[in-house]
Amino acid sequence: MADFYNQATEAIGNANHVVAFTGAGISVESGIPPFRGQGGLWNRYDPELLEIGYFLSNPIESWKVIREIFFDKFMDARPNAAHLLLADMEKAGMLKSVITQNIDNLHQMAGSQVVYEFHGNCQKLLCLDCHNVHLAQEIDLNADPPSCPNCGGLLKPDFIFFGEPIPKNAYTMSVKEATAADVLMIIGTTGEIMPAASIPHLAKINGAMIIEINPQSSNYTGVITDIFIQAGAVEASMVIRGLLGV
């Protein structure tokens, strides 16, 4: 395992354009449950409640679940050592950007400046009538459903519901960064959800070295991964921080 860490940090140190691609696994150690797999939220909640058509037809019922999942569970979460490492790598000029599938805002809270949110951000609310965006902390989330303080319209969390497209800018910039990367770090994602799962493949096609950090093998391991560090995000980040000296 030590050899893998040394190989990974040497590759990062010699690279010109390092990009991190993160998923639910990086935030699990901050207390945020994953959506899929053991202990996943979809084992306890019906995903249909977050389908855009259902939300528009049944906003009260949908908002009850949204509040419980995303605001009761997410609001107190704080960045962990893995989020902080990526932020410090960016400050040190070692990391160009983070592409994340997560909607928890923890990369930004950790200090990362260049973050492309493939699936949006639950800390923002979009008015479906006037299209203004509001910070969740500024809205009374106990209302059924919460309404826009500007026009009274229905507020929707500014993340991607089932049946909605990926935000154009996030997709475009993710593709651009993956294409430019000479090293791409996969952290805490198994590569199951499309189209996000295609981003590391795009990096590989364009010549990037793929460093994967996951506690178990994934759809990337043995397919595109060059260096597989089998560990949780926090454990791995602490070793990598020491080797990089950040």
Foldseek 3Di string as FASTA:
>chain_A
DVVLLVVVLVCLVPWQAEEEEEEPLQQVVLQQADCDDVVHPVVPDPLVLLAVVNCVVQVLVSLVVCCVRPPVRQVPGEHALLLLLQQVCVVVVSHDAYEYCDQRCRNVRSHHDHYQHQFYHQQWKAFPPPGDIDGPVVWDPVDSHTADPVPRGGIDRGTDGHPDHGPPVSVVVLLVSLLPAQEYEYAHDQLDDPPSSCSVVSNQVNHHAYEYEELDHHPCPPPRHDRYDNDRSNVSSVSSCVVNVD
